[in-house]
Protein backbone atom coordinates (compact mmCIF):
# COMPACT_ATOMS: atom_id res chain seq x y z
CA MET A 1 -12.98 -9.11 -10.03
CA HIS A 2 -10.13 -7.27 -7.74
CA PRO A 3 -9.73 -4.01 -9.49
CA ALA A 4 -6.23 -2.14 -9.45
CA SER A 5 -5.49 -0.44 -6.10
CA PRO A 6 -6.34 3.07 -5.74
CA SER A 7 -3.54 5.47 -6.05
CA PRO A 8 -2.42 7.36 -3.06
CA ALA A 9 -4.45 10.37 -4.27
CA ALA A 10 -7.56 8.00 -4.62
CA ARG A 11 -7.45 8.56 -0.49
CA PRO A 12 -7.57 12.13 -0.08
CA ASP A 13 -7.88 11.90 3.53
CA HIS A 14 -4.98 9.87 4.32
CA THR A 15 -6.07 6.92 5.42
CA THR A 16 -3.69 4.44 6.90
CA ALA A 17 -3.61 1.30 5.40
CA TRP A 18 -1.62 -1.91 6.77
CA VAL A 19 -1.46 -5.12 4.24
CA VAL A 20 -0.96 -8.09 6.76
CA GLY A 21 0.04 -11.56 6.72
CA GLY A 22 3.31 -10.53 4.82
CA LEU A 23 5.87 -7.42 5.34
CA VAL A 24 4.52 -4.27 6.48
CA LEU A 25 2.94 -1.44 4.12
CA ALA A 26 0.31 -0.28 2.19
CA LEU A 27 0.30 -2.13 -1.21
CA ILE A 28 1.24 -5.39 -1.94
CA LEU A 29 1.51 -6.21 -5.52
CA ALA A 30 1.55 -9.92 -6.34
CA VAL A 31 3.75 -10.35 -9.78
CA ALA A 32 2.64 -14.25 -10.22
CA GLY A 33 4.52 -15.46 -7.29
CA TYR A 34 7.10 -12.62 -7.18
CA LEU A 35 6.27 -10.30 -4.61
CA VAL A 36 7.09 -6.46 -5.16
CA TYR A 37 5.84 -4.29 -2.96
CA THR A 38 5.72 -0.43 -1.92
CA GLU A 39 4.30 2.05 0.64
CA LEU A 40 2.34 4.77 -0.90
CA ARG A 41 2.49 7.71 0.64
CA GLY A 42 2.54 10.47 -1.86
CA ASP A 43 4.86 13.04 -1.29
CA GLY A 44 5.53 12.94 2.36
CA ASP A 45 5.10 10.87 5.28
CA ALA A 46 1.47 10.02 5.80
CA THR A 47 1.31 9.08 9.27
CA GLY A 48 1.34 12.87 9.76
CA PHE A 49 3.14 11.95 13.46
CA ALA A 50 6.31 13.55 14.92
CA PRO A 51 8.73 10.79 15.26
CA VAL A 52 10.16 9.75 19.04
CA THR A 53 13.66 11.48 19.33
CA SER A 54 14.31 10.05 23.08
CA GLU A 55 14.35 6.98 24.62
CA PRO A 56 10.26 5.88 24.77
CA LYS A 57 8.69 4.00 28.11
CA GLN A 58 6.69 1.36 27.95
CA VAL A 59 2.80 2.62 28.22
CA TRP A 60 1.28 -1.17 28.10
CA SER A 61 1.42 -4.59 26.45
CA TRP A 62 -1.39 -6.85 25.09
CA SER A 63 -0.45 -10.57 24.83
CA SER A 64 -2.81 -12.58 22.32
CA ASP A 65 -3.60 -16.14 22.12
CA GLN A 66 -3.15 -15.76 18.17
CA GLU A 67 -0.50 -14.63 16.14
CA VAL A 68 0.15 -11.04 15.44
CA ALA A 69 0.51 -8.76 12.67
CA TYR A 70 0.25 -5.04 13.39
CA ALA A 71 -0.66 -2.65 15.29
CA GLN A 72 -2.70 0.74 14.49
CA ASP A 73 -3.73 3.69 16.20
CA LEU A 74 -7.74 4.20 16.97
CA PRO A 75 -9.09 8.26 16.32
CA ASN A 76 -10.92 7.37 19.77
CA GLY A 77 -7.65 6.86 21.70
CA GLY A 78 -7.83 2.88 21.21
CA SER A 79 -5.64 0.77 19.11
CA LEU A 80 -6.40 -1.49 16.24
CA VAL A 81 -4.67 -4.91 16.13
CA SER A 82 -4.51 -7.13 12.66
CA LEU A 83 -3.84 -10.83 13.68
CA SER A 84 -2.03 -13.49 11.47
CA GLY A 85 -1.90 -17.10 11.37
CA GLU A 86 -5.11 -19.27 11.45
CA ALA A 87 -7.42 -16.38 12.78
CA ASP A 88 -6.47 -13.29 10.47
CA GLY A 89 -8.83 -11.05 12.42
CA ILE A 90 -8.85 -7.39 13.80
CA VAL A 91 -9.02 -6.92 17.74
CA ALA A 92 -9.53 -3.34 19.26
CA LEU A 93 -8.38 -2.36 22.40
CA ASP A 94 -9.04 0.65 24.73
CA LYS A 95 -6.63 3.47 25.65
CA ASN A 96 -5.02 1.21 28.42
CA GLY A 97 -4.27 -1.67 25.85
CA LYS A 98 -7.50 -3.49 27.22
CA GLU A 99 -9.25 -5.70 25.01
CA GLU A 100 -12.80 -4.00 23.97
CA TRP A 101 -14.01 -6.23 21.33
CA ARG A 102 -12.71 -8.82 18.18
CA ASP A 103 -13.83 -9.79 15.13
CA GLU A 104 -12.53 -12.82 13.23
CA LYS A 105 -15.27 -14.24 11.00
CA HIS A 106 -12.66 -13.72 7.73
CA PRO A 107 -9.34 -13.84 6.91
CA TYR A 108 -9.01 -10.01 6.81
CA ASN A 109 -5.26 -8.96 5.03
CA ILE A 110 -6.06 -5.50 4.41
CA VAL A 111 -7.25 -3.54 7.59
CA ILE A 112 -8.00 0.68 6.78
CA VAL A 113 -8.71 3.20 9.58
CA HIS A 114 -10.94 5.87 7.97
CA GLU A 115 -10.51 8.52 10.75
CA LYS A 116 -13.11 11.02 9.23
CA GLU A 117 -15.79 8.57 8.78
CA GLN A 118 -15.23 6.58 12.26
CA LEU A 119 -14.85 3.79 10.28
CA ILE A 120 -12.70 0.01 9.96
CA GLU A 121 -12.74 -1.23 6.36
CA ALA A 122 -11.59 -4.92 6.74
CA SER A 123 -11.11 -6.78 3.59
CA TRP A 124 -9.90 -10.18 2.99
CA TYR A 125 -8.89 -12.18 -0.44
CA VAL A 126 -8.00 -15.95 -0.16
CA ALA A 127 -7.33 -17.93 -3.34
CA GLN A 128 -8.49 -21.22 -2.88
CA ALA A 129 -7.53 -24.64 -4.99
CA SER A 130 -10.47 -27.22 -5.70
CA SER A 131 -10.55 -30.40 -7.85
CA SER A 132 -12.64 -28.10 -10.27
CA GLY A 133 -9.89 -25.89 -10.06
CA SER A 134 -8.64 -22.28 -8.74
CA THR A 135 -11.60 -20.11 -6.98
CA SER A 136 -11.07 -16.93 -4.61
CA ASP A 137 -13.28 -15.90 -1.39
CA SER A 138 -13.49 -12.33 -1.25
CA GLY A 139 -15.12 -9.61 0.90
CA THR A 140 -15.34 -5.98 2.75
CA ILE A 141 -16.85 -5.26 5.60
CA LEU A 142 -17.29 -1.72 7.48
CA PHE A 143 -16.90 -1.75 11.23
CA ASP A 144 -17.53 1.63 13.44
CA PHE A 145 -15.26 2.02 16.15
CA ASP A 146 -17.66 -0.08 18.65
CA GLY A 147 -16.86 -3.01 16.67
CA GLU A 148 -20.68 -2.82 14.83
CA ALA A 149 -20.54 -3.83 11.03
CA THR A 150 -22.23 -1.02 9.37
CA TRP A 151 -21.68 -2.17 5.85
CA GLU A 152 -21.04 -5.21 3.78
CA ALA A 153 -19.74 -5.57 -0.05
CA PRO A 154 -22.11 -7.50 -1.95
CA GLU A 155 -20.72 -10.54 -3.48
CA GLY A 156 -18.81 -9.68 -6.45
CA VAL A 157 -18.57 -6.28 -5.53
CA ASP A 158 -15.24 -4.34 -4.37
CA LEU A 159 -15.44 -1.41 -2.33
CA TYR A 160 -13.13 1.22 -4.01
CA SER A 161 -13.06 4.05 -2.33
CA ILE A 162 -14.88 6.39 0.73
CA GLU A 163 -15.59 9.69 -0.45
CA GLU A 164 -15.79 13.01 1.04
CA ASP A 165 -19.24 13.12 0.98
CA GLY A 166 -19.80 9.52 2.48
CA SER A 167 -20.67 8.01 -0.43
CA TYR A 168 -18.98 4.87 -1.56
CA LEU A 169 -17.30 4.20 -5.01
CA VAL A 170 -17.61 -0.10 -5.84
CA SER A 171 -16.58 -2.03 -8.45
CA ASP A 172 -17.74 -5.04 -10.13
CA ASP A 173 -16.80 -6.70 -13.23
CA ASP A 174 -19.14 -4.21 -15.27
CA GLY A 175 -17.97 -0.86 -14.02
CA MET A 176 -17.96 1.50 -10.82
CA THR A 177 -20.61 3.05 -9.00
CA ARG A 178 -21.34 5.39 -6.78
CA LEU A 179 -23.61 4.49 -3.76
CA ASP A 180 -25.18 5.79 -0.94
CA PRO A 181 -24.57 3.68 2.00
CA LYS A 182 -27.78 4.31 3.75
CA THR A 183 -30.29 3.99 1.20
CA ASP A 184 -28.23 1.92 -1.29
CA GLU A 185 -29.13 4.56 -3.86
CA GLU A 186 -27.03 4.46 -6.84
CA SER A 187 -26.04 8.41 -8.27
CA TRP A 188 -24.19 6.90 -11.26
CA THR A 189 -22.04 3.65 -12.63
CA ILE A 190 -19.30 4.35 -15.64
CA PRO A 191 -18.21 1.10 -17.50
CA GLY A 192 -14.82 0.09 -17.14
CA SER A 193 -12.67 -3.42 -16.47
CA ASP A 194 -9.53 -0.69 -14.52
CA PHE A 195 -10.01 1.78 -12.53
CA THR A 196 -7.77 4.70 -11.40
CA LEU A 197 -8.53 7.79 -9.53
CA SER A 198 -6.70 11.23 -8.78
CA THR A 199 -7.74 14.49 -6.48
CA SER A 200 -10.30 15.37 -9.21
CA ALA A 201 -11.34 12.63 -11.72
CA ILE A 202 -11.82 8.97 -11.96
CA TYR A 203 -10.09 7.03 -15.25
CA ALA A 204 -11.33 4.30 -16.77
CA LEU A 205 -10.51 1.57 -19.26
CA ASP A 206 -13.52 1.07 -21.43
CA GLY A 207 -12.73 -1.64 -23.67
CA ASP A 208 -10.00 -0.26 -25.64
CA ASP A 209 -10.60 3.42 -24.58
CA VAL A 210 -9.21 5.00 -21.82
CA VAL A 211 -11.77 7.83 -20.89
CA ARG A 212 -11.60 10.62 -18.01
CA TYR A 213 -14.85 10.99 -15.94
CA GLY A 214 -15.45 13.80 -13.21
CA LEU A 215 -16.29 13.05 -9.74
CA ASP A 216 -19.78 13.53 -10.58
CA GLY A 217 -19.69 10.43 -13.06
CA LYS A 218 -19.73 12.84 -16.19
CA GLU A 219 -17.55 11.69 -19.04
CA ALA A 220 -14.62 14.37 -20.02
CA TRP A 221 -12.55 12.70 -22.61
CA ARG A 222 -12.17 9.69 -24.32
CA THR A 223 -9.33 8.22 -26.47
CA THR A 224 -8.90 5.15 -28.06
CA LEU A 225 -5.48 3.46 -27.58
CA PRO A 226 -3.60 2.42 -30.85
CA ALA A 227 -4.04 -0.87 -32.17
CA SER A 228 -1.81 -3.63 -30.35
CA TYR A 229 -1.30 -1.57 -27.53
CA ASP A 230 -1.32 -4.57 -25.16
CA SER A 231 0.99 -7.16 -27.10
CA GLY A 232 3.25 -6.91 -24.54
CA LEU A 233 1.09 -8.59 -21.96
CA ASP A 234 2.14 -12.24 -21.10
CA GLU A 235 -0.95 -14.72 -20.51
CA TYR A 236 -1.18 -13.81 -17.04
CA GLY A 237 -1.05 -9.74 -17.57
CA ARG A 238 -3.89 -7.24 -17.57
CA THR A 239 -3.44 -3.52 -19.15
CA GLN A 240 -3.82 -1.39 -15.72
CA LEU A 241 -3.92 2.44 -15.33
CA TYR A 242 -1.61 4.49 -12.72
CA SER A 243 -2.88 8.61 -12.30
CA SER A 244 -1.40 11.34 -10.64
CA ASP A 245 -2.04 15.02 -11.13
CA GLU A 246 0.34 15.50 -13.94
CA MET A 247 -0.07 12.49 -15.89
CA LEU A 248 -2.02 9.12 -16.41
CA LEU A 249 0.06 6.13 -17.80
CA VAL A 250 -1.40 3.29 -19.17
CA ASP A 251 0.77 0.17 -18.57
CA SER A 252 -0.26 -2.62 -20.95
CA GLY A 253 3.29 -4.57 -21.53
CA SER A 254 4.40 -1.44 -22.75
CA LEU A 255 3.73 2.21 -21.47
CA LEU A 256 1.53 4.80 -22.82
CA ALA A 257 1.30 8.64 -20.91
CA TYR A 258 -1.53 10.64 -21.56
CA ALA A 259 -2.72 14.27 -20.32
CA PRO A 260 -4.66 14.08 -18.03
CA GLU A 261 -6.58 17.16 -18.85
CA SER A 262 -6.79 16.91 -22.45
CA GLY A 263 -6.33 13.04 -23.12
CA GLU A 264 -3.58 14.27 -25.47
CA LYS A 265 -0.92 11.44 -25.57
CA LEU A 266 2.64 12.73 -24.41
CA TRP A 267 4.85 9.45 -24.93
CA SER A 268 5.43 5.88 -25.48
CA GLU A 269 7.70 3.15 -24.34
CA SER A 270 8.35 -0.30 -25.03
CA THR A 271 9.11 -0.87 -21.24
CA GLY A 272 6.50 -2.54 -19.30
CA GLY A 273 6.52 -4.40 -16.06
CA GLU A 274 5.30 -3.71 -12.27
CA VAL A 275 4.74 0.31 -11.68
CA LEU A 276 5.57 1.77 -8.31
CA ARG A 277 4.86 5.39 -7.67
CA ALA A 278 7.72 7.18 -6.83
CA ALA A 279 8.50 10.85 -5.51
CA ASP A 280 7.63 14.23 -7.43
CA ASP A 281 4.39 12.43 -8.95
CA ARG A 282 6.73 10.36 -10.79
CA PHE A 283 6.55 6.54 -11.30
CA VAL A 284 9.33 3.45 -11.56
CA VAL A 285 8.54 0.70 -13.74
CA VAL A 286 10.27 -2.64 -12.79
CA PRO A 287 10.14 -5.59 -15.13
CA THR A 288 8.74 -8.52 -14.26
CA SER A 289 11.36 -10.67 -13.23
CA GLU A 290 12.28 -14.49 -15.28
CA TYR A 291 12.27 -17.76 -13.12
CA ASP A 292 15.31 -19.86 -12.70
CA GLU A 293 14.84 -23.02 -14.61
CA GLU A 294 17.12 -25.20 -12.04
CA THR A 295 15.14 -23.77 -9.12
CA GLY A 296 11.80 -23.17 -10.48
CA GLU A 297 11.42 -19.64 -8.40
CA LYS A 298 12.05 -16.10 -9.59
CA LYS A 299 15.27 -14.53 -10.14
CA PRO A 300 16.02 -11.50 -7.72
CA LEU A 301 15.74 -8.24 -9.88
CA SER A 302 18.47 -5.68 -10.42
CA GLY A 303 18.44 -2.16 -11.36
CA PRO A 304 18.78 0.52 -12.51
CA PHE A 305 14.75 0.80 -13.21
CA PRO A 306 13.91 3.97 -15.38
CA ILE A 307 11.61 6.51 -13.59
CA PHE A 308 9.18 8.17 -15.94
CA GLY A 309 6.95 11.52 -15.65
CA PRO A 310 5.17 14.05 -17.81
CA GLU A 311 8.09 14.59 -19.92
CA GLY A 312 9.09 10.86 -20.44
CA LYS A 313 11.83 9.20 -18.96
CA VAL A 314 13.83 11.34 -16.58
CA GLY A 315 16.54 9.00 -14.82
CA ASP A 316 16.92 5.43 -13.43
CA ILE A 317 17.14 4.50 -9.53
CA ASP A 318 18.72 1.71 -8.40
CA LEU A 319 16.61 -0.90 -6.42
CA ALA A 320 18.41 -4.01 -6.68
CA THR A 321 16.12 -6.56 -4.59
CA SER A 322 17.32 -8.24 -1.51
CA GLY A 323 15.91 -11.99 -1.13
CA ALA A 324 12.14 -12.12 -2.46
CA TYR A 325 11.38 -8.13 -1.81
CA LEU A 326 11.75 -4.93 -3.37
CA THR A 327 11.10 -2.00 -0.94
CA MET A 328 10.44 1.75 -1.43
CA ASP A 329 9.44 4.50 0.68
CA VAL A 330 8.50 8.04 -0.52
CA ILE A 331 9.25 10.72 2.10
CA SER A 332 9.85 14.22 2.41
CA LEU A 333 13.31 15.10 3.21
CA ASP A 334 14.00 19.08 4.15
CA GLY A 335 10.78 19.67 1.97
CA ARG A 336 11.26 18.02 -1.07
CA PRO A 337 10.40 14.69 -2.22
CA VAL A 338 12.92 11.44 -2.18
CA ASN A 339 12.88 8.08 -2.17
CA PHE A 340 14.01 5.52 0.53
CA HIS A 341 15.23 2.11 -0.74
CA GLU A 342 14.99 0.23 2.57
CA SER A 343 17.10 -2.99 1.41
CA SER A 344 20.18 -0.89 0.54
CA GLY A 345 19.51 1.82 3.01
CA THR A 346 19.88 4.52 0.25
CA LEU A 347 18.25 8.00 -0.36
CA PHE A 348 17.75 8.35 -4.12
CA ASP A 349 16.49 12.17 -5.48
CA ALA A 350 13.51 12.56 -7.36
CA ASP A 351 15.48 11.67 -10.52
CA GLY A 352 17.39 8.33 -8.86
CA ALA A 353 20.24 10.06 -8.24
CA VAL A 354 21.92 9.02 -4.54
CA ILE A 355 21.62 11.47 -1.95
CA ASP A 356 22.60 9.19 1.02
CA THR A 357 23.54 5.45 1.91
CA ASP A 358 23.96 3.19 4.88
CA HIS A 359 20.47 3.53 6.48
CA ASP A 360 20.74 0.04 7.53
CA HIS A 361 18.07 -1.83 9.59
CA VAL A 362 15.27 0.69 8.99
CA ALA A 363 11.55 -0.61 9.66
CA GLN A 364 9.72 2.64 8.92
CA ALA A 365 10.81 5.85 7.35
CA LEU A 366 9.47 9.08 8.03
CA ASP A 367 10.24 12.50 7.12
CA GLU A 368 12.81 13.14 9.53
CA GLY A 369 14.26 9.99 10.08
CA ALA A 370 13.96 6.13 10.50
CA TYR A 371 12.82 3.88 13.22
CA THR A 372 14.84 0.67 13.19
CA VAL A 373 14.97 -2.68 14.30
CA ASP A 374 17.92 -5.09 14.76
CA GLY A 375 16.89 -8.72 15.82
CA SER A 376 14.91 -7.18 19.43
CA THR A 377 16.97 -3.82 20.10
CA ILE A 378 14.62 -0.85 18.39
CA GLY A 379 16.17 2.44 18.21
CA TYR A 380 15.56 6.02 16.03
CA ARG A 381 18.36 7.59 13.80
CA ALA A 382 18.05 11.31 11.90
CA TRP A 383 18.76 11.43 8.32
CA ASP A 384 21.24 13.81 8.82
CA SER A 385 23.07 11.77 11.70
CA ASP A 386 25.38 9.17 11.54
CA ASP A 387 24.50 7.79 15.29
CA ALA A 388 21.17 6.10 16.75
CA ALA A 389 19.21 9.20 18.85
CA TRP A 390 18.27 6.26 21.02
CA THR A 391 18.30 2.31 20.91
CA LEU A 392 16.62 -0.18 23.41
CA ASP A 393 17.05 -3.46 23.76
CA LEU A 394 13.91 -5.55 24.29
CA THR A 395 13.26 -8.46 26.82
CA ASP A 396 10.90 -11.24 26.82
CA VAL A 397 10.52 -11.41 22.94
CA ASP A 398 8.34 -14.04 21.30
CA SER A 399 10.21 -14.16 18.26
CA MET A 400 8.83 -13.69 14.81
CA ALA A 401 11.63 -13.93 12.64
CA ASP A 402 11.11 -17.01 9.54
CA ASP A 403 12.62 -17.45 6.45
CA TYR A 404 11.43 -13.91 5.23
CA TYR A 405 11.54 -11.84 7.99
CA PRO A 406 14.72 -11.89 10.23
CA GLU A 407 13.71 -9.66 13.25
CA ASP A 408 12.17 -10.91 16.39
CA VAL A 409 10.17 -7.36 16.34
CA ARG A 410 8.31 -5.08 14.21
CA VAL A 411 7.39 -1.08 14.82
CA SER A 412 4.97 1.18 13.55
CA THR A 413 4.17 4.70 14.22
CA ALA A 414 1.56 5.62 16.94
CA LYS A 415 0.59 9.27 17.82
CA ASP A 416 3.14 10.49 20.25
CA GLY A 417 4.68 7.13 20.17
CA ILE A 418 5.24 3.55 18.09
CA TYR A 419 3.89 0.10 18.62
CA VAL A 420 6.01 -2.80 18.70
CA ASN A 421 5.05 -6.28 18.00
CA ASP A 422 6.11 -9.64 18.66
CA LYS A 423 4.67 -12.89 17.33
CA THR A 424 2.21 -13.05 20.22
CA SER A 425 2.23 -9.53 21.57
CA VAL A 426 1.78 -5.82 21.37
CA ARG A 427 3.72 -2.89 23.53
CA LEU A 428 2.88 0.69 23.20
CA TYR A 429 6.25 3.05 23.66
CA ARG A 430 6.08 6.80 24.52
């Protein structure tokens, strides 16, 4: 079983997650072969790092015998590199870019650094085809910063989150359990087939009921979904829950919204599809795309797509797809949460109105501006400027460009700097 990915509120400590083996970001939603993904960052930049606004200098470079996906900071001053290709492992580097340890036992495609707990969460999910039908291989291992495995999820169990007190929320086909990892003692278990967390509650889909639990596992309210609530689901779909502090959203081919404190129904809509978190604790709903009968491929999606809040539909946002991907970031611009659409280089307000356009080649959006990549040229441009603050032409690059990603290198944030990786190396600039 793979439960729905937790909402940003499910990780109040602002852990950093990279999904590897595809393009950047913290969450990938696979829609029957059509990828729609979004970086879920709450109402602002989750990195917490100020941008590098003047041309940086290279601090170190590390080369790999395996393909590189991304690099991110370790709180001990080192770096963690996620590999791709055949290995899909992880490699820890010290503050000088020297390798300290690596693990390649599994094809890790999600790597999360938990700073407070001093843990690295490495998960994998691999679909496998055989003569007897499709199967999957999945799991999660927690490492300390020295590379020692401290906990491994039992078969069939997924780690949902690590709580502030150090306990783990884990889920299987029957429900969710709060577990003490040191003693394996279970303090409570709640039934359900899908879950979402807010800062103060856990919501579960229990049969045809939606239930709110406190963080102590005690039931707060329960409401039965209306008859035929899931009639809009296709054969591959399932009911999923999404939460904010203002609303609980049930997506089952149509939408149902509930007040989080009381369970009172707020509104319903016949619209269904993939739900993306948007600025100001709202949600964008992207309909599932259709197949092209001639090519057999999914047709590109074109907006505008509806935006929903506790009051119902509040606007539309034009997130036309480019190629096979649709992306959106949530950042804080001059103190207000806004949406950034990478493909068109457009900033939208929380209602979907256009704020600004022509922000091209954005690799990572921050509150103050964006890092850019154009081939092997990287740079930084503030949102309120028409010109780049700096650009840097990189040399001796092992290009990672392919049919889905046209650039030679990738850029990600580091404390007081940036990581740049090509196909087989990582460089730190400050």
